[in-house]
Structure formats: structure tokens, C-alpha cells
């Protein structure tokens, strides 16, 4: 059900998405600085949370992070 209604939500949320994009651009320097600091660690702590399709994306990324950093979850 969730996936089938996402296209409708996407159209409704375009303005919200634009606001989010503009906020990310506004905060870009702080975000990059934080990520650089976190990723300096050999084994950064990464927490992926979500429900539904967000959880699916997080689960999809676990293997990549394990391979990239050479650590189990």
C-alpha cells in the first residue's frame, strides 16, 4: 500500500521537497564539516532508521557500509 501511494504523495510534497533542498543548500557547509569529522574515524557509528520504504533503503545500504568499512553490523 505505502509504495502504491508514494507517487501521489510525491506530487503533493513537491513544495516540501523544494524547501528541504533549499535548507540543505543553506546548511551545506555545516553538513559537510560534520560528515568529514564523522568519516575521519576508521569505524564511524552510523545509525539507519526508518519504517516502510525508508527501512528498506537502510537495509539495502548495510551491505555497502560493511564492505566499504570492512566491519560487520
Protein backbone atom coordinates (compact mmCIF):
# COMPACT_ATOMS: atom_id res chain seq x y z
CA UNK A 1 0.00 0.00 0.00
CA UNK A 2 2.68 2.50 1.01
CA UNK A 3 4.63 2.19 -2.24
CA UNK A 4 1.50 2.47 -4.38
CA UNK A 5 0.53 5.85 -2.89
CA UNK A 6 4.02 7.37 -2.96
CA UNK A 7 3.68 8.91 -6.45
CA UNK A 8 0.62 10.85 -5.23
CA UNK A 9 2.46 11.94 -2.10
CA UNK A 10 5.43 12.99 -4.20
CA UNK A 11 3.31 15.39 -6.23
CA UNK A 12 1.68 16.80 -3.09
CA UNK A 13 5.04 17.15 -1.34
CA UNK A 14 6.97 18.90 -4.11
CA UNK A 15 6.96 22.20 -2.22
CA UNK A 16 8.11 20.44 0.92
CA UNK A 17 10.89 18.76 -1.09
CA UNK A 18 11.94 22.10 -2.52
CA UNK A 19 12.08 23.59 0.97
CA UNK A 20 14.17 20.65 2.15
CA UNK A 21 16.53 21.03 -0.80
CA UNK A 22 16.95 24.76 -0.18
CA UNK A 23 17.56 24.11 3.54
CA UNK A 24 20.24 21.56 2.67
CA UNK A 25 21.91 24.08 0.36
CA UNK A 26 21.76 26.69 3.11
CA UNK A 27 23.32 24.30 5.64
CA UNK A 28 25.74 22.64 3.20
CA UNK A 29 28.96 23.84 4.85
CA UNK A 30 27.90 22.66 8.31
CA UNK A 31 26.71 19.31 6.95
CA UNK A 32 29.95 18.72 5.04
CA UNK A 33 32.01 19.67 8.12
CA UNK A 34 30.06 17.23 10.28
CA UNK A 35 30.34 14.39 7.76
CA UNK A 36 34.07 14.97 7.32
CA UNK A 37 34.53 14.83 11.09
CA UNK A 38 32.50 11.64 11.46
CA UNK A 39 34.05 9.89 8.46
CA UNK A 40 37.62 10.58 9.69
CA UNK A 41 37.10 7.69 12.09
CA UNK A 42 38.16 4.27 10.85
CA UNK A 43 34.86 2.84 12.09
CA UNK A 44 32.24 5.58 12.23
CA UNK A 45 28.99 4.83 14.02
CA UNK A 46 26.16 5.01 11.52
CA UNK A 47 22.55 4.51 12.57
CA UNK A 48 20.00 3.96 9.82
CA UNK A 49 16.41 4.21 10.99
CA UNK A 50 13.05 4.23 9.33
CA UNK A 51 9.86 2.38 8.62
CA UNK A 52 8.47 1.02 5.39
CA UNK A 53 10.43 2.12 2.34
CA UNK A 54 12.89 4.11 4.49
CA UNK A 55 13.74 0.94 6.42
CA UNK A 56 14.13 -0.90 3.11
CA UNK A 57 16.66 1.67 1.88
CA UNK A 58 18.57 1.44 5.17
CA UNK A 59 18.68 -2.34 4.96
CA UNK A 60 19.85 -2.04 1.36
CA UNK A 61 22.79 0.13 2.41
CA UNK A 62 24.02 -2.11 5.24
CA UNK A 63 25.99 -4.41 2.93
CA UNK A 64 27.65 -1.45 1.22
CA UNK A 65 28.77 0.03 4.53
CA UNK A 66 30.02 -3.35 5.75
CA UNK A 67 32.09 -3.82 2.60
CA UNK A 68 33.30 -0.21 2.47
CA UNK A 69 34.46 -0.13 6.09
CA UNK A 70 35.28 -3.83 6.42
CA UNK A 71 33.19 -4.27 9.56
CA UNK A 72 30.14 -6.32 10.46
CA UNK A 73 26.98 -4.64 11.67
